Amino acid sequence: MQLNRLLVSKKELKSLGIPYSLSHIARLEKAGKFPQRVRLGACRVAWSYEEICEWVNQRIAQRDPAS
């Protein structure tokens, strides 16, 4: 299974540790500060699992800069 092909639903974002509301996620996306959603259909969106994990890792790296 290729991780770059896995998608995360809105509900699954919370289980991955993303504590934001959907409206805040939309604001972050618009500002280029969160991975862009993938439109799957008229009423369904998801995010790339790999991009979400990378985004989380970047936040951790900012918190723990190399000495």
PDB file of N, CA and C in Angstrom:
ATOM      1  N   MET A   1       0.844  -1.177   0.000  1.00  0.00           N
ATOM      2  CA  MET A   1       0.000   0.000   0.000  1.00  0.00           C
ATOM      3  C   MET A   1       0.893   1.246   0.000  1.00  0.00           C
ATOM      4  N   GLN A   2       0.574   2.188  -0.828  1.00  0.00           N
ATOM      5  CA  GLN A   2       1.357   3.411  -0.945  1.00  0.00           C
ATOM      6  C   GLN A   2       0.755   4.486  -0.042  1.00  0.00           C
ATOM      7  N   LEU A   3       1.563   4.993   0.901  1.00  0.00           N
ATOM      8  CA  LEU A   3       1.077   6.017   1.818  1.00  0.00           C
ATOM      9  C   LEU A   3       0.697   7.297   1.107  1.00  0.00           C
ATOM     10  N   ASN A   4       1.363   7.585  -0.023  1.00  0.00           N
ATOM     11  CA  ASN A   4       1.046   8.830  -0.732  1.00  0.00           C
ATOM     12  C   ASN A   4      -0.315   8.758  -1.422  1.00  0.00           C
ATOM     13  N   ARG A   5      -0.955   7.600  -1.402  1.00  0.00           N
ATOM     14  CA  ARG A   5      -2.283   7.452  -2.003  1.00  0.00           C
ATOM     15  C   ARG A   5      -3.391   7.333  -0.960  1.00  0.00           C
ATOM     16  N   LEU A   6      -3.029   7.264   0.328  1.00  0.00           N
ATOM     17  CA  LEU A   6      -4.038   7.173   1.371  1.00  0.00           C
ATOM     18  C   LEU A   6      -4.666   8.543   1.605  1.00  0.00           C
ATOM     19  N   LEU A   7      -5.964   8.546   1.838  1.00  0.00           N
ATOM     20  CA  LEU A   7      -6.683   9.784   2.098  1.00  0.00           C
ATOM     21  C   LEU A   7      -7.305   9.741   3.482  1.00  0.00           C
ATOM     22  N   VAL A   8      -7.436  10.916   4.083  1.00  0.00           N
ATOM     23  CA  VAL A   8      -7.965  11.074   5.435  1.00  0.00           C
ATOM     24  C   VAL A   8      -9.250  11.892   5.351  1.00  0.00           C
ATOM     25  N   SER A   9     -10.311  11.387   5.954  1.00  0.00           N
ATOM     26  CA  SER A   9     -11.584  12.107   5.965  1.00  0.00           C
ATOM     27  C   SER A   9     -11.570  13.204   7.025  1.00  0.00           C
ATOM     28  N   LYS A  10     -12.629  14.020   7.029  1.00  0.00           N
ATOM     29  CA  LYS A  10     -12.748  15.078   8.033  1.00  0.00           C
ATOM     30  C   LYS A  10     -12.723  14.492   9.441  1.00  0.00           C
ATOM     31  N   LYS A  11     -13.446  13.420   9.660  1.00  0.00           N
ATOM     32  CA  LYS A  11     -13.494  12.797  10.985  1.00  0.00           C
ATOM     33  C   LYS A  11     -12.134  12.213  11.372  1.00  0.00           C
ATOM     34  N   GLU A  12     -11.431  11.656  10.425  1.00  0.00           N
ATOM     35  CA  GLU A  12     -10.137  11.031  10.710  1.00  0.00           C
ATOM     36  C   GLU A  12      -9.060  12.050  11.070  1.00  0.00           C
ATOM     37  N   LEU A  13      -9.221  13.300  10.645  1.00  0.00           N
ATOM     38  CA  LEU A  13      -8.250  14.334  11.022  1.00  0.00           C
ATOM     39  C   LEU A  13      -8.124  14.424  12.540  1.00  0.00           C
ATOM     40  N   LYS A  14      -9.247  14.368  13.237  1.00  0.00           N
ATOM     41  CA  LYS A  14      -9.224  14.445  14.704  1.00  0.00           C
ATOM     42  C   LYS A  14      -8.466  13.260  15.293  1.00  0.00           C
ATOM     43  N   SER A  15      -8.660  12.068  14.740  1.00  0.00           N
ATOM     44  CA  SER A  15      -7.974  10.885  15.271  1.00  0.00           C
ATOM     45  C   SER A  15      -6.472  10.947  15.008  1.00  0.00           C
ATOM     46  N   LEU A  16      -6.050  11.770  14.052  1.00  0.00           N
ATOM     47  CA  LEU A  16      -4.626  11.948  13.773  1.00  0.00           C
ATOM     48  C   LEU A  16      -4.020  13.077  14.613  1.00  0.00           C
ATOM     49  N   GLY A  17      -4.824  13.653  15.487  1.00  0.00           N
ATOM     50  CA  GLY A  17      -4.304  14.677  16.386  1.00  0.00           C
ATOM     51  C   GLY A  17      -4.472  16.100  15.892  1.00  0.00           C
ATOM     52  N   ILE A  18      -5.310  16.318  14.888  1.00  0.00           N
ATOM     53  CA  ILE A  18      -5.574  17.672  14.382  1.00  0.00           C
ATOM     54  C   ILE A  18      -6.794  18.211  15.150  1.00  0.00           C
ATOM     55  N   PRO A  19      -6.588  19.119  16.113  1.00  0.00           N
ATOM     56  CA  PRO A  19      -7.679  19.540  16.997  1.00  0.00           C
ATOM     57  C   PRO A  19      -8.545  20.675  16.459  1.00  0.00           C
ATOM     58  N   TYR A  20      -8.339  21.083  15.225  1.00  0.00           N
ATOM     59  CA  TYR A  20      -9.009  22.264  14.690  1.00  0.00           C
ATOM     60  C   TYR A  20     -10.404  21.953  14.157  1.00  0.00           C
ATOM     61  N   SER A  21     -11.263  22.979  14.182  1.00  0.00           N
ATOM     62  CA  SER A  21     -12.582  22.870  13.563  1.00  0.00           C
ATOM     63  C   SER A  21     -12.410  22.905  12.042  1.00  0.00           C
ATOM     64  N   LEU A  22     -13.440  22.469  11.341  1.00  0.00           N
ATOM     65  CA  LEU A  22     -13.358  22.463   9.875  1.00  0.00           C
ATOM     66  C   LEU A  22     -13.263  23.873   9.306  1.00  0.00           C
ATOM     67  N   SER A  23     -13.895  24.839   9.965  1.00  0.00           N
ATOM     68  CA  SER A  23     -13.807  26.218   9.465  1.00  0.00           C
ATOM     69  C   SER A  23     -12.385  26.765   9.653  1.00  0.00           C
ATOM     70  N   HIS A  24     -11.731  26.399  10.752  1.00  0.00           N
ATOM     71  CA  HIS A  24     -10.354  26.851  10.951  1.00  0.00           C
ATOM     72  C   HIS A  24      -9.415  26.163   9.955  1.00  0.00           C
ATOM     73  N   ILE A  25      -9.641  24.896   9.697  1.00  0.00           N
ATOM     74  CA  ILE A  25      -8.839  24.187   8.694  1.00  0.00           C
ATOM     75  C   ILE A  25      -8.993  24.866   7.339  1.00  0.00           C
ATOM     76  N   ALA A  26     -10.210  25.262   6.994  1.00  0.00           N
ATOM     77  CA  ALA A  26     -10.443  25.951   5.717  1.00  0.00           C
ATOM     78  C   ALA A  26      -9.669  27.265   5.668  1.00  0.00           C
ATOM     79  N   ARG A  27      -9.632  28.016   6.782  1.00  0.00           N
ATOM     80  CA  ARG A  27      -8.873  29.269   6.822  1.00  0.00           C
ATOM     81  C   ARG A  27      -7.376  28.991   6.652  1.00  0.00           C
ATOM     82  N   LEU A  28      -6.871  27.958   7.321  1.00  0.00           N
ATOM     83  CA  LEU A  28      -5.455  27.608   7.195  1.00  0.00           C
ATOM     84  C   LEU A  28      -5.123  27.191   5.760  1.00  0.00           C
ATOM     85  N   GLU A  29      -6.001  26.424   5.141  1.00  0.00           N
ATOM     86  CA  GLU A  29      -5.794  26.022   3.743  1.00  0.00           C
ATOM     87  C   GLU A  29      -5.713  27.249   2.836  1.00  0.00           C
ATOM     88  N   LYS A  30      -6.653  28.152   3.017  1.00  0.00           N
ATOM     89  CA  LYS A  30      -6.691  29.356   2.181  1.00  0.00           C
ATOM     90  C   LYS A  30      -5.421  30.182   2.340  1.00  0.00           C
ATOM     91  N   ALA A  31      -4.856  30.188   3.561  1.00  0.00           N
ATOM     92  CA  ALA A  31      -3.629  30.940   3.842  1.00  0.00           C
ATOM     93  C   ALA A  31      -2.371  30.159   3.447  1.00  0.00           C
ATOM     94  N   GLY A  32      -2.534  28.935   2.951  1.00  0.00           N
ATOM     95  CA  GLY A  32      -1.388  28.121   2.563  1.00  0.00           C
ATOM     96  C   GLY A  32      -0.641  27.525   3.745  1.00  0.00           C
ATOM     97  N   LYS A  33      -1.331  27.381   4.892  1.00  0.00           N
ATOM     98  CA  LYS A  33      -0.690  26.893   6.109  1.00  0.00           C
ATOM     99  C   LYS A  33      -1.164  25.502   6.518  1.00  0.00           C
ATOM    100  N   PHE A  34      -1.884  24.824   5.652  1.00  0.00           N
ATOM    101  CA  PHE A  34      -2.375  23.471   5.901  1.00  0.00           C
ATOM    102  C   PHE A  34      -2.502  22.790   4.540  1.00  0.00           C
ATOM    103  N   PRO A  35      -2.278  21.489   4.478  1.00  0.00           N
ATOM    104  CA  PRO A  35      -2.406  20.800   3.188  1.00  0.00           C
ATOM    105  C   PRO A  35      -3.776  21.025   2.543  1.00  0.00           C
ATOM    106  N   GLN A  36      -3.769  21.129   1.243  1.00  0.00           N
ATOM    107  CA  GLN A  36      -5.001  21.353   0.498  1.00  0.00           C
ATOM    108  C   GLN A  36      -5.829  20.075   0.422  1.00  0.00           C
ATOM    109  N   ARG A  37      -7.118  20.245   0.531  1.00  0.00           N
ATOM    110  CA  ARG A  37      -8.030  19.104   0.437  1.00  0.00           C
ATOM    111  C   ARG A  37      -8.119  18.583  -0.988  1.00  0.00           C
ATOM    112  N   VAL A  38      -8.531  17.331  -1.105  1.00  0.00           N
ATOM    113  CA  VAL A  38      -8.768  16.678  -2.390  1.00  0.00           C
ATOM    114  C   VAL A  38     -10.275  16.521  -2.513  1.00  0.00           C
ATOM    115  N   ARG A  39     -10.850  17.087  -3.550  1.00  0.00           N
ATOM    116  CA  ARG A  39     -12.293  16.958  -3.755  1.00  0.00           C
ATOM    117  C   ARG A  39     -12.572  15.607  -4.406  1.00  0.00           C
ATOM    118  N   LEU A  40     -13.339  14.774  -3.712  1.00  0.00           N
ATOM    119  CA  LEU A  40     -13.655  13.438  -4.207  1.00  0.00           C
ATOM    120  C   LEU A  40     -14.997  13.386  -4.918  1.00  0.00           C
ATOM    121  N   GLY A  41     -15.853  14.313  -4.610  1.00  0.00           N
ATOM    122  CA  GLY A  41     -17.180  14.363  -5.213  1.00  0.00           C
ATOM    123  C   GLY A  41     -17.844  15.668  -4.820  1.00  0.00           C
ATOM    124  N   ALA A  42     -19.114  15.779  -5.136  1.00  0.00           N
ATOM    125  CA  ALA A  42     -19.834  17.018  -4.858  1.00  0.00           C
ATOM    126  C   ALA A  42     -19.887  17.345  -3.368  1.00  0.00           C
ATOM    127  N   CYS A  43     -19.967  16.331  -2.530  1.00  0.00           N
ATOM    128  CA  CYS A  43     -20.115  16.558  -1.083  1.00  0.00           C
ATOM    129  C   CYS A  43     -19.075  15.807  -0.262  1.00  0.00           C
ATOM    130  N   ARG A  44     -17.958  15.448  -0.854  1.00  0.00           N
ATOM    131  CA  ARG A  44     -16.952  14.672  -0.120  1.00  0.00           C
ATOM    132  C   ARG A  44     -15.561  15.201  -0.407  1.00  0.00           C
ATOM    133  N   VAL A  45     -14.816  15.454   0.675  1.00  0.00           N
ATOM    134  CA  VAL A  45     -13.421  15.877   0.554  1.00  0.00           C
ATOM    135  C   VAL A  45     -12.568  15.018   1.480  1.00  0.00           C
ATOM    136  N   ALA A  46     -11.273  15.007   1.221  1.00  0.00           N
ATOM    137  CA  ALA A  46     -10.313  14.293   2.055  1.00  0.00           C
ATOM    138  C   ALA A  46      -8.965  14.976   1.909  1.00  0.00           C
ATOM    139  N   TRP A  47      -8.014  14.555   2.733  1.00  0.00           N
ATOM    140  CA  TRP A  47      -6.665  15.100   2.696  1.00  0.00           C
ATOM    141  C   TRP A  47      -5.689  13.957   2.532  1.00  0.00           C
ATOM    142  N   SER A  48      -4.549  14.248   1.951  1.00  0.00           N
ATOM    143  CA  SER A  48      -3.502  13.247   1.780  1.00  0.00           C
ATOM    144  C   SER A  48      -2.914  12.909   3.151  1.00  0.00           C
ATOM    145  N   TYR A  49      -2.916  11.642   3.495  1.00  0.00           N
ATOM    146  CA  TYR A  49      -2.351  11.180   4.767  1.00  0.00           C
ATOM    147  C   TYR A  49      -0.885  11.577   4.872  1.00  0.00           C
ATOM    148  N   GLU A  50      -0.154  11.387   3.798  1.00  0.00           N
ATOM    149  CA  GLU A  50       1.274  11.714   3.788  1.00  0.00           C
ATOM    150  C   GLU A  50       1.498  13.208   4.029  1.00  0.00           C
ATOM    151  N   GLU A  51       0.699  14.064   3.399  1.00  0.00           N
ATOM    152  CA  GLU A  51       0.837  15.514   3.582  1.00  0.00           C
ATOM    153  C   GLU A  51       0.460  15.935   4.996  1.00  0.00           C
ATOM    154  N   ILE A  52      -0.548  15.310   5.577  1.00  0.00           N
ATOM    155  CA  ILE A  52      -0.940  15.624   6.954  1.00  0.00           C
ATOM    156  C   ILE A  52       0.184  15.234   7.905  1.00  0.00           C
ATOM    157  N   CYS A  53       0.755  14.047   7.730  1.00  0.00           N
ATOM    158  CA  CYS A  53       1.862  13.604   8.586  1.00  0.00           C
ATOM    159  C   CYS A  53       3.061  14.537   8.454  1.00  0.00           C
ATOM    160  N   GLU A  54       3.346  14.970   7.240  1.00  0.00           N
ATOM    161  CA  GLU A  54       4.455  15.901   7.008  1.00  0.00           C
ATOM    162  C   GLU A  54       4.191  17.237   7.707  1.00  0.00           C
ATOM    163  N   TRP A  55       2.957  17.714   7.629  1.00  0.00           N
ATOM    164  CA  TRP A  55       2.574  18.973   8.271  1.00  0.00           C
ATOM    165  C   TRP A  55       2.770  18.865   9.785  1.00  0.00           C
ATOM    166  N   VAL A  56       2.332  17.757  10.392  1.00  0.00           N
ATOM    167  CA  VAL A  56       2.504  17.538  11.828  1.00  0.00           C
ATOM    168  C   VAL A  56       3.992  17.507  12.173  1.00  0.00           C
ATOM    169  N   ASN A  57       4.783  16.793  11.385  1.00  0.00           N
ATOM    170  CA  ASN A  57       6.221  16.714  11.627  1.00  0.00           C
ATOM    171  C   ASN A  57       6.889  18.084  11.551  1.00  0.00           C
ATOM    172  N   GLN A  58       6.428  18.940  10.647  1.00  0.00           N
ATOM    173  CA  GLN A  58       6.966  20.295  10.548  1.00  0.00           C
ATOM    174  C   GLN A  58       6.658  21.100  11.813  1.00  0.00           C
ATOM    175  N   ARG A  59       5.456  20.934  12.369  1.00  0.00           N
ATOM    176  CA  ARG A  59       5.095  21.626  13.599  1.00  0.00           C
ATOM    177  C   ARG A  59       5.996  21.171  14.751  1.00  0.00           C
ATOM    178  N   ILE A  60       6.262  19.876  14.814  1.00  0.00           N
ATOM    179  CA  ILE A  60       7.137  19.337  15.856  1.00  0.00           C
ATOM    180  C   ILE A  60       8.547  19.864  15.674  1.00  0.00           C
ATOM    181  N   ALA A  61       9.025  19.919  14.441  1.00  0.00           N
ATOM    182  CA  ALA A  61      10.372  20.425  14.166  1.00  0.00           C
ATOM    183  C   ALA A  61      10.495  21.892  14.551  1.00  0.00           C
ATOM    184  N   GLN A  62       9.437  22.681  14.351  1.00  0.00           N
ATOM    185  CA  GLN A  62       9.465  24.085  14.749  1.00  0.00           C
ATOM    186  C   GLN A  62       9.523  24.222  16.262  1.00  0.00           C
ATOM    187  N   ARG A  63       8.867  23.314  16.938  1.00  0.00           N
ATOM    188  CA  ARG A  63       8.871  23.332  18.396  1.00  0.00           C
ATOM    189  C   ARG A  63      10.235  22.917  18.953  1.00  0.00           C
ATOM    190  N   ASP A  64      10.866  21.956  18.294  1.00  0.00           N
ATOM    191  CA  ASP A  64      12.128  21.393  18.755  1.00  0.00           C
ATOM    192  C   ASP A  64      13.244  21.682  17.766  1.00  0.00           C
ATOM    193  N   PRO A  65      13.650  22.952  17.620  1.00  0.00           N
ATOM    194  CA  PRO A  65      14.710  23.273  16.643  1.00  0.00           C
ATOM    195  C   PRO A  65      16.024  22.581  17.034  1.00  0.00           C
ATOM    196  N   ALA A  66      16.804  22.229  16.026  1.00  0.00           N
ATOM    197  CA  ALA A  66      18.101  21.583  16.252  1.00  0.00           C
ATOM    198  C   ALA A  66      19.028  22.548  16.986  1.00  0.00           C
ATOM    199  N   SER A  67      19.753  22.015  17.936  1.00  0.00           N
ATOM    200  CA  SER A  67      20.667  22.858  18.725  1.00  0.00           C
ATOM    201  C   SER A  67      21.962  23.077  18.007  1.00  0.00           C
TER     202      SER A  67
END
